[in-house]
Amino acid sequence: MSRKIEQVADKYNLETRLGQEIGDALVSRWVGNDPWEERGYRKIADWFNKLIIRSAYEEAGLTLIDSRIEADYEVLDADDEVEKRSLVDELEKQGVDARDIINDFVGDTTVYRYLTEELGVEKQKEAEDSRTWSFDTIEDQIDGFGIDLRRALLRLTRKIS
């Protein structure tokens, strides 16, 4: 069993930043406890990884702009090694250990295992879950397409510049 989520949360002091235990924060987002909407593993992993970036940037004294955190996460989590290396080098100059951040990222499988195996949480199924699941699946696919499109546009912009 993996305790990576708890170890990373401790490393980046995420529980203090969130004002609650990391397990409670993840469960609330997964099952949709107020004020959160129900989210899938992938979206929770993305949210967690962006918290890591936000914490590391704050620790280094960088300005915290949501759009920068989003864009940097897309690059750091992408397969484009040239673009990733460029951002890692830039962040290292600003006092951020980007390689460490990348190593600390969690995936949707880690989130799933943590919620179900470590915490023993199960989602309650309702009659309308199949419709909700379909909409969530479509939304996840659209989000994935949007991320891929933004990455492609970023690469194209850099090549043109």
N, C-alpha and C. Protein backbone atom coordinates (compact mmCIF):
# COMPACT_ATOMS: atom_id res chain seq x y z
N MET A 1 0.83 -1.19 0.00
CA MET A 1 0.00 0.00 0.00
C MET A 1 0.88 1.25 0.00
N SER A 2 0.38 2.24 -0.66
CA SER A 2 1.16 3.46 -0.85
C SER A 2 0.72 4.56 0.11
N ARG A 3 1.66 5.18 0.73
CA ARG A 3 1.42 6.34 1.59
C ARG A 3 1.96 7.61 0.94
N LYS A 4 2.15 7.56 -0.37
CA LYS A 4 2.77 8.69 -1.07
C LYS A 4 1.98 9.97 -0.86
N ILE A 5 0.66 9.90 -0.92
CA ILE A 5 -0.14 11.12 -0.78
C ILE A 5 0.12 11.78 0.57
N GLU A 6 0.14 11.01 1.64
CA GLU A 6 0.38 11.58 2.96
C GLU A 6 1.81 12.12 3.08
N GLN A 7 2.78 11.40 2.52
CA GLN A 7 4.16 11.85 2.58
C GLN A 7 4.34 13.17 1.82
N VAL A 8 3.74 13.25 0.65
CA VAL A 8 3.85 14.48 -0.15
C VAL A 8 3.10 15.62 0.54
N ALA A 9 1.94 15.33 1.10
CA ALA A 9 1.17 16.36 1.82
C ALA A 9 1.98 16.91 2.99
N ASP A 10 2.69 16.03 3.70
CA ASP A 10 3.55 16.49 4.80
C ASP A 10 4.71 17.33 4.28
N LYS A 11 5.32 16.86 3.23
CA LYS A 11 6.48 17.56 2.66
C LYS A 11 6.15 19.00 2.27
N TYR A 12 4.97 19.19 1.68
CA TYR A 12 4.57 20.52 1.19
C TYR A 12 3.63 21.24 2.16
N ASN A 13 3.43 20.66 3.35
CA ASN A 13 2.60 21.29 4.38
C ASN A 13 1.18 21.57 3.87
N LEU A 14 0.63 20.64 3.10
CA LEU A 14 -0.67 20.86 2.45
C LEU A 14 -1.83 20.87 3.44
N GLU A 15 -1.74 20.08 4.50
CA GLU A 15 -2.85 20.06 5.45
C GLU A 15 -3.02 21.41 6.13
N THR A 16 -1.92 22.05 6.46
CA THR A 16 -2.00 23.38 7.06
C THR A 16 -2.57 24.38 6.06
N ARG A 17 -2.13 24.27 4.82
CA ARG A 17 -2.63 25.18 3.78
C ARG A 17 -4.12 24.99 3.53
N LEU A 18 -4.58 23.74 3.60
CA LEU A 18 -5.99 23.44 3.35
C LEU A 18 -6.86 23.64 4.59
N GLY A 19 -6.25 23.56 5.76
CA GLY A 19 -7.00 23.67 6.99
C GLY A 19 -7.74 22.38 7.35
N GLN A 20 -7.33 21.27 6.76
CA GLN A 20 -7.92 19.98 7.08
C GLN A 20 -6.96 18.87 6.67
N GLU A 21 -7.23 17.67 7.18
CA GLU A 21 -6.39 16.53 6.83
C GLU A 21 -6.54 16.24 5.34
N ILE A 22 -5.46 15.80 4.73
CA ILE A 22 -5.47 15.56 3.29
C ILE A 22 -6.47 14.48 2.90
N GLY A 23 -6.59 13.44 3.71
CA GLY A 23 -7.56 12.39 3.43
C GLY A 23 -8.98 12.93 3.39
N ASP A 24 -9.33 13.78 4.34
CA ASP A 24 -10.66 14.39 4.36
C ASP A 24 -10.90 15.26 3.13
N ALA A 25 -9.86 16.01 2.74
CA ALA A 25 -9.99 16.88 1.57
C ALA A 25 -10.23 16.06 0.30
N LEU A 26 -9.50 14.96 0.15
CA LEU A 26 -9.66 14.11 -1.04
C LEU A 26 -11.01 13.41 -1.05
N VAL A 27 -11.41 12.88 0.10
CA VAL A 27 -12.71 12.20 0.19
C VAL A 27 -13.83 13.17 -0.14
N SER A 28 -13.78 14.38 0.40
CA SER A 28 -14.83 15.38 0.15
C SER A 28 -14.99 15.65 -1.33
N ARG A 29 -13.87 15.73 -2.03
CA ARG A 29 -13.94 16.00 -3.47
C ARG A 29 -14.40 14.77 -4.24
N TRP A 30 -14.04 13.60 -3.78
CA TRP A 30 -14.41 12.38 -4.49
C TRP A 30 -15.90 12.08 -4.37
N VAL A 31 -16.43 12.19 -3.16
CA VAL A 31 -17.84 11.85 -2.95
C VAL A 31 -18.76 13.04 -3.12
N GLY A 32 -18.20 14.24 -3.20
CA GLY A 32 -19.03 15.42 -3.44
C GLY A 32 -19.64 16.01 -2.19
N ASN A 33 -18.92 15.96 -1.06
CA ASN A 33 -19.42 16.60 0.16
C ASN A 33 -19.40 18.11 -0.01
N ASP A 34 -20.39 18.77 0.57
CA ASP A 34 -20.46 20.23 0.50
C ASP A 34 -19.14 20.84 0.94
N PRO A 35 -18.63 21.82 0.29
CA PRO A 35 -19.19 22.53 -0.86
C PRO A 35 -18.70 22.00 -2.21
N TRP A 36 -18.12 20.82 -2.22
CA TRP A 36 -17.48 20.29 -3.42
C TRP A 36 -18.41 19.45 -4.25
N GLU A 37 -18.25 19.54 -5.57
CA GLU A 37 -18.93 18.64 -6.49
C GLU A 37 -18.14 17.34 -6.56
N GLU A 38 -18.82 16.26 -6.84
CA GLU A 38 -18.17 14.96 -6.98
C GLU A 38 -17.17 15.02 -8.13
N ARG A 39 -15.98 14.51 -7.89
CA ARG A 39 -14.92 14.50 -8.90
C ARG A 39 -14.36 13.10 -9.07
N GLY A 40 -13.77 12.86 -10.24
CA GLY A 40 -13.12 11.59 -10.52
C GLY A 40 -11.67 11.62 -10.05
N TYR A 41 -11.03 10.47 -10.10
CA TYR A 41 -9.65 10.32 -9.64
C TYR A 41 -8.69 11.24 -10.38
N ARG A 42 -8.87 11.34 -11.68
CA ARG A 42 -7.96 12.14 -12.50
C ARG A 42 -8.02 13.62 -12.10
N LYS A 43 -9.23 14.13 -11.91
CA LYS A 43 -9.37 15.54 -11.53
C LYS A 43 -8.82 15.78 -10.13
N ILE A 44 -9.00 14.81 -9.24
CA ILE A 44 -8.46 14.95 -7.89
C ILE A 44 -6.93 14.93 -7.93
N ALA A 45 -6.36 14.05 -8.74
CA ALA A 45 -4.91 14.00 -8.88
C ALA A 45 -4.38 15.33 -9.43
N ASP A 46 -5.04 15.88 -10.44
CA ASP A 46 -4.63 17.17 -10.99
C ASP A 46 -4.70 18.26 -9.92
N TRP A 47 -5.79 18.29 -9.18
CA TRP A 47 -5.95 19.27 -8.11
C TRP A 47 -4.82 19.14 -7.08
N PHE A 48 -4.53 17.93 -6.66
CA PHE A 48 -3.47 17.66 -5.68
C PHE A 48 -2.11 18.12 -6.22
N ASN A 49 -1.82 17.79 -7.47
CA ASN A 49 -0.53 18.16 -8.07
C ASN A 49 -0.38 19.67 -8.21
N LYS A 50 -1.47 20.35 -8.49
CA LYS A 50 -1.42 21.82 -8.56
C LYS A 50 -1.19 22.42 -7.18
N LEU A 51 -1.71 21.76 -6.14
CA LEU A 51 -1.43 22.20 -4.77
C LEU A 51 0.06 22.11 -4.47
N ILE A 52 0.69 21.05 -4.95
CA ILE A 52 2.14 20.88 -4.77
C ILE A 52 2.87 22.06 -5.41
N ILE A 53 2.51 22.36 -6.64
CA ILE A 53 3.16 23.47 -7.35
C ILE A 53 2.93 24.78 -6.60
N ARG A 54 1.68 25.04 -6.21
CA ARG A 54 1.35 26.27 -5.50
C ARG A 54 2.19 26.40 -4.22
N SER A 55 2.31 25.32 -3.48
CA SER A 55 3.07 25.32 -2.24
C SER A 55 4.55 25.59 -2.50
N ALA A 56 5.12 24.92 -3.49
CA ALA A 56 6.54 25.10 -3.82
C ALA A 56 6.81 26.52 -4.31
N TYR A 57 5.91 27.06 -5.12
CA TYR A 57 6.09 28.42 -5.61
C TYR A 57 6.00 29.42 -4.46
N GLU A 58 5.04 29.21 -3.58
CA GLU A 58 4.89 30.10 -2.44
C GLU A 58 6.14 30.06 -1.56
N GLU A 59 6.66 28.86 -1.34
CA GLU A 59 7.86 28.69 -0.53
C GLU A 59 9.06 29.43 -1.16
N ALA A 60 9.11 29.47 -2.48
CA ALA A 60 10.21 30.14 -3.18
C ALA A 60 9.97 31.64 -3.35
N GLY A 61 8.79 32.10 -2.92
CA GLY A 61 8.50 33.53 -3.03
C GLY A 61 8.01 33.97 -4.39
N LEU A 62 7.56 33.02 -5.21
CA LEU A 62 7.04 33.37 -6.53
C LEU A 62 5.60 33.88 -6.42
N THR A 63 5.21 34.69 -7.38
CA THR A 63 3.84 35.18 -7.43
C THR A 63 2.92 34.02 -7.79
N LEU A 64 1.83 33.92 -7.04
CA LEU A 64 0.89 32.82 -7.26
C LEU A 64 -0.27 33.28 -8.14
N ILE A 65 -0.17 32.96 -9.40
CA ILE A 65 -1.23 33.27 -10.36
C ILE A 65 -1.78 31.95 -10.86
N ASP A 66 -3.10 31.78 -10.74
CA ASP A 66 -3.72 30.50 -11.12
C ASP A 66 -3.40 30.10 -12.54
N SER A 67 -3.41 31.05 -13.47
CA SER A 67 -3.15 30.69 -14.86
C SER A 67 -1.71 30.19 -15.05
N ARG A 68 -0.78 30.75 -14.28
CA ARG A 68 0.61 30.27 -14.38
C ARG A 68 0.73 28.86 -13.81
N ILE A 69 0.08 28.62 -12.69
CA ILE A 69 0.12 27.29 -12.08
C ILE A 69 -0.49 26.27 -13.03
N GLU A 70 -1.61 26.61 -13.67
CA GLU A 70 -2.25 25.72 -14.65
C GLU A 70 -1.31 25.43 -15.80
N ALA A 71 -0.75 26.48 -16.38
CA ALA A 71 0.12 26.32 -17.55
C ALA A 71 1.40 25.53 -17.19
N ASP A 72 1.99 25.85 -16.06
CA ASP A 72 3.21 25.14 -15.65
C ASP A 72 2.90 23.68 -15.36
N TYR A 73 1.76 23.41 -14.75
CA TYR A 73 1.39 22.01 -14.48
C TYR A 73 1.25 21.23 -15.79
N GLU A 74 0.61 21.84 -16.77
CA GLU A 74 0.46 21.17 -18.06
C GLU A 74 1.80 20.81 -18.67
N VAL A 75 2.76 21.71 -18.55
CA VAL A 75 4.09 21.45 -19.11
C VAL A 75 4.83 20.39 -18.28
N LEU A 76 4.80 20.54 -16.96
CA LEU A 76 5.53 19.60 -16.10
C LEU A 76 4.95 18.19 -16.14
N ASP A 77 3.67 18.08 -16.45
CA ASP A 77 3.01 16.78 -16.50
C ASP A 77 2.98 16.19 -17.91
N ALA A 78 3.45 16.95 -18.89
CA ALA A 78 3.37 16.53 -20.29
C ALA A 78 4.55 15.64 -20.68
N ASP A 79 4.46 15.10 -21.87
CA ASP A 79 5.51 14.23 -22.39
C ASP A 79 6.58 14.99 -23.19
N ASP A 80 6.34 16.27 -23.46
CA ASP A 80 7.28 17.07 -24.24
C ASP A 80 8.50 17.40 -23.38
N GLU A 81 9.55 16.60 -23.53
CA GLU A 81 10.73 16.73 -22.68
C GLU A 81 11.49 18.04 -22.91
N VAL A 82 11.48 18.56 -24.13
CA VAL A 82 12.20 19.80 -24.41
C VAL A 82 11.54 20.96 -23.67
N GLU A 83 10.23 21.04 -23.79
CA GLU A 83 9.48 22.10 -23.12
C GLU A 83 9.58 21.95 -21.60
N LYS A 84 9.49 20.72 -21.14
CA LYS A 84 9.58 20.45 -19.69
C LYS A 84 10.96 20.87 -19.17
N ARG A 85 12.02 20.47 -19.89
CA ARG A 85 13.38 20.80 -19.46
C ARG A 85 13.58 22.32 -19.39
N SER A 86 13.03 23.03 -20.35
CA SER A 86 13.14 24.49 -20.37
C SER A 86 12.47 25.10 -19.13
N LEU A 87 11.28 24.63 -18.81
CA LEU A 87 10.58 25.15 -17.63
C LEU A 87 11.30 24.75 -16.35
N VAL A 88 11.78 23.51 -16.27
CA VAL A 88 12.52 23.06 -15.09
C VAL A 88 13.73 23.95 -14.86
N ASP A 89 14.48 24.25 -15.92
CA ASP A 89 15.66 25.11 -15.80
C ASP A 89 15.28 26.51 -15.31
N GLU A 90 14.19 27.04 -15.87
CA GLU A 90 13.71 28.37 -15.48
C GLU A 90 13.31 28.38 -13.99
N LEU A 91 12.61 27.36 -13.56
CA LEU A 91 12.16 27.29 -12.17
C LEU A 91 13.34 27.10 -11.22
N GLU A 92 14.32 26.30 -11.63
CA GLU A 92 15.49 26.08 -10.79
C GLU A 92 16.22 27.40 -10.54
N LYS A 93 16.29 28.27 -11.54
CA LYS A 93 16.92 29.58 -11.39
C LYS A 93 16.15 30.45 -10.40
N GLN A 94 14.85 30.18 -10.24
CA GLN A 94 14.00 30.96 -9.34
C GLN A 94 13.89 30.31 -7.96
N GLY A 95 14.67 29.25 -7.73
CA GLY A 95 14.70 28.63 -6.42
C GLY A 95 13.68 27.54 -6.19
N VAL A 96 13.11 27.01 -7.27
CA VAL A 96 12.12 25.94 -7.15
C VAL A 96 12.74 24.64 -7.65
N ASP A 97 12.68 23.60 -6.85
CA ASP A 97 13.20 22.28 -7.25
C ASP A 97 12.12 21.56 -8.07
N ALA A 98 12.06 21.89 -9.34
CA ALA A 98 11.01 21.37 -10.22
C ALA A 98 11.11 19.86 -10.41
N ARG A 99 12.32 19.33 -10.41
CA ARG A 99 12.46 17.88 -10.56
C ARG A 99 11.82 17.15 -9.38
N ASP A 100 12.00 17.72 -8.22
CA ASP A 100 11.38 17.16 -7.02
C ASP A 100 9.85 17.23 -7.12
N ILE A 101 9.36 18.35 -7.60
CA ILE A 101 7.90 18.51 -7.77
C ILE A 101 7.38 17.42 -8.71
N ILE A 102 8.03 17.23 -9.83
CA ILE A 102 7.59 16.22 -10.81
C ILE A 102 7.59 14.83 -10.18
N ASN A 103 8.62 14.52 -9.42
CA ASN A 103 8.69 13.21 -8.74
C ASN A 103 7.59 13.04 -7.70
N ASP A 104 7.10 14.15 -7.16
CA ASP A 104 6.07 14.09 -6.13
C ASP A 104 4.65 14.07 -6.69
N PHE A 105 4.50 14.31 -7.99
CA PHE A 105 3.17 14.25 -8.59
C PHE A 105 2.56 12.87 -8.35
N VAL A 106 1.24 12.85 -8.18
CA VAL A 106 0.52 11.59 -8.03
C VAL A 106 -0.38 11.40 -9.25
N GLY A 107 -0.65 10.15 -9.55
CA GLY A 107 -1.54 9.83 -10.66
C GLY A 107 -2.90 9.39 -10.14
N ASP A 108 -3.81 9.18 -11.08
CA ASP A 108 -5.16 8.80 -10.68
C ASP A 108 -5.20 7.44 -9.99
N THR A 109 -4.30 6.53 -10.36
CA THR A 109 -4.25 5.23 -9.70
C THR A 109 -3.84 5.38 -8.24
N THR A 110 -2.89 6.25 -7.97
CA THR A 110 -2.46 6.50 -6.59
C THR A 110 -3.62 7.06 -5.78
N VAL A 111 -4.36 7.99 -6.36
CA VAL A 111 -5.53 8.56 -5.68
C VAL A 111 -6.56 7.47 -5.40
N TYR A 112 -6.84 6.66 -6.40
CA TYR A 112 -7.82 5.57 -6.24
C TYR A 112 -7.41 4.64 -5.10
N ARG A 113 -6.17 4.20 -5.12
CA ARG A 113 -5.69 3.28 -4.08
C ARG A 113 -5.72 3.91 -2.70
N TYR A 114 -5.36 5.17 -2.64
CA TYR A 114 -5.37 5.86 -1.36
C TYR A 114 -6.79 5.93 -0.80
N LEU A 115 -7.73 6.33 -1.64
CA LEU A 115 -9.11 6.47 -1.18
C LEU A 115 -9.74 5.13 -0.81
N THR A 116 -9.54 4.14 -1.66
CA THR A 116 -10.24 2.87 -1.45
C THR A 116 -9.49 1.90 -0.54
N GLU A 117 -8.18 1.82 -0.69
CA GLU A 117 -7.41 0.85 0.10
C GLU A 117 -6.91 1.43 1.42
N GLU A 118 -6.35 2.62 1.37
CA GLU A 118 -5.82 3.23 2.60
C GLU A 118 -6.94 3.74 3.51
N LEU A 119 -7.88 4.47 2.92
CA LEU A 119 -8.94 5.07 3.72
C LEU A 119 -10.20 4.21 3.79
N GLY A 120 -10.32 3.23 2.88
CA GLY A 120 -11.48 2.34 2.88
C GLY A 120 -12.79 3.01 2.52
N VAL A 121 -12.72 4.04 1.70
CA VAL A 121 -13.92 4.79 1.32
C VAL A 121 -14.58 4.14 0.12
N GLU A 122 -15.89 4.09 0.14
CA GLU A 122 -16.67 3.61 -1.00
C GLU A 122 -17.69 4.67 -1.35
N LYS A 123 -17.94 4.84 -2.63
CA LYS A 123 -18.97 5.78 -3.08
C LYS A 123 -20.32 5.09 -3.01
N GLN A 124 -21.31 5.86 -2.62
CA GLN A 124 -22.69 5.37 -2.65
C GLN A 124 -23.20 5.49 -4.07
N LYS A 125 -23.77 4.42 -4.58
CA LYS A 125 -24.32 4.44 -5.93
C LYS A 125 -25.81 4.80 -5.88
N GLU A 126 -26.20 5.68 -6.77
CA GLU A 126 -27.61 6.07 -6.87
C GLU A 126 -28.11 5.68 -8.24
N ALA A 127 -29.41 5.71 -8.40
CA ALA A 127 -30.03 5.32 -9.67
C ALA A 127 -29.56 6.19 -10.82
N GLU A 128 -29.32 7.46 -10.54
CA GLU A 128 -28.92 8.36 -11.63
C GLU A 128 -27.42 8.37 -11.88
N ASP A 129 -26.66 7.55 -11.15
CA ASP A 129 -25.22 7.51 -11.32
C ASP A 129 -24.79 7.23 -12.75
N SER A 130 -25.53 6.39 -13.47
CA SER A 130 -25.11 6.07 -14.83
C SER A 130 -25.16 7.30 -15.72
N ARG A 131 -26.17 8.16 -15.53
CA ARG A 131 -26.22 9.41 -16.30
C ARG A 131 -25.11 10.35 -15.86
N THR A 132 -24.92 10.48 -14.54
CA THR A 132 -23.86 11.34 -14.02
C THR A 132 -22.51 10.85 -14.51
N TRP A 133 -22.30 9.53 -14.46
CA TRP A 133 -21.05 8.97 -14.93
C TRP A 133 -20.81 9.33 -16.39
N SER A 134 -21.85 9.23 -17.21
CA SER A 134 -21.70 9.56 -18.63
C SER A 134 -21.30 11.00 -18.81
N PHE A 135 -21.96 11.91 -18.09
CA PHE A 135 -21.61 13.32 -18.21
C PHE A 135 -20.21 13.58 -17.69
N ASP A 136 -19.84 12.94 -16.57
CA ASP A 136 -18.49 13.10 -16.03
C ASP A 136 -17.44 12.58 -17.01
N THR A 137 -17.74 11.44 -17.64
CA THR A 137 -16.81 10.86 -18.60
C THR A 137 -16.62 11.80 -19.79
N ILE A 138 -17.70 12.33 -20.29
CA ILE A 138 -17.63 13.28 -21.42
C ILE A 138 -16.86 14.52 -20.99
N GLU A 139 -17.15 15.03 -19.80
CA GLU A 139 -16.45 16.21 -19.29
C GLU A 139 -14.96 15.94 -19.16
N ASP A 140 -14.59 14.77 -18.64
CA ASP A 140 -13.17 14.42 -18.53
C ASP A 140 -12.50 14.36 -19.89
N GLN A 141 -13.19 13.80 -20.88
CA GLN A 141 -12.62 13.72 -22.23
C GLN A 141 -12.44 15.11 -22.83
N ILE A 142 -13.42 15.98 -22.63
CA ILE A 142 -13.31 17.35 -23.13
C ILE A 142 -12.15 18.06 -22.44
N ASP A 143 -12.04 17.89 -21.10
CA ASP A 143 -10.93 18.50 -20.37
C ASP A 143 -9.60 18.00 -20.91
N GLY A 144 -9.49 16.70 -21.15
CA GLY A 144 -8.26 16.12 -21.69
C GLY A 144 -7.93 16.68 -23.05
N PHE A 145 -8.95 16.82 -23.90
CA PHE A 145 -8.74 17.40 -25.22
C PHE A 145 -8.28 18.83 -25.11
N GLY A 146 -8.87 19.59 -24.18
CA GLY A 146 -8.49 20.99 -23.99
C GLY A 146 -7.04 21.11 -23.55
N ILE A 147 -6.61 20.23 -22.67
CA ILE A 147 -5.22 20.24 -22.20
C ILE A 147 -4.29 19.93 -23.36
N ASP A 148 -4.62 18.91 -24.15
CA ASP A 148 -3.79 18.55 -25.30
C ASP A 148 -3.72 19.70 -26.31
N LEU A 149 -4.86 20.36 -26.53
CA LEU A 149 -4.90 21.48 -27.46
C LEU A 149 -4.04 22.64 -26.95
N ARG A 150 -4.14 22.96 -25.65
CA ARG A 150 -3.32 24.04 -25.09
C ARG A 150 -1.83 23.71 -25.20
N ARG A 151 -1.48 22.46 -24.95
CA ARG A 151 -0.07 22.05 -25.06
C ARG A 151 0.43 22.23 -26.49
N ALA A 152 -0.39 21.82 -27.45
CA ALA A 152 -0.01 21.95 -28.86
C ALA A 152 0.15 23.42 -29.23
N LEU A 153 -0.76 24.26 -28.77
CA LEU A 153 -0.67 25.69 -29.07
C LEU A 153 0.56 26.33 -28.40
N LEU A 154 0.88 25.91 -27.20
CA LEU A 154 2.07 26.42 -26.52
C LEU A 154 3.33 26.05 -27.31
N ARG A 155 3.40 24.79 -27.76
CA ARG A 155 4.55 24.34 -28.55
C ARG A 155 4.66 25.13 -29.85
N LEU A 156 3.54 25.33 -30.52
CA LEU A 156 3.53 26.06 -31.77
C LEU A 156 3.97 27.50 -31.55
N THR A 157 3.47 28.12 -30.49
CA THR A 157 3.83 29.50 -30.16
C THR A 157 5.34 29.61 -29.92
N ARG A 158 5.90 28.65 -29.20
CA ARG A 158 7.34 28.70 -28.92
C ARG A 158 8.17 28.49 -30.17
N LYS A 159 7.67 27.63 -31.09
CA LYS A 159 8.41 27.38 -32.33
C LYS A 159 8.40 28.61 -33.23
N ILE A 160 7.28 29.33 -33.23
CA ILE A 160 7.15 30.52 -34.06
C ILE A 160 7.99 31.67 -33.52
N SER A 161 8.07 31.75 -32.19
CA SER A 161 8.77 32.87 -31.54
C SER A 161 10.25 32.84 -31.80
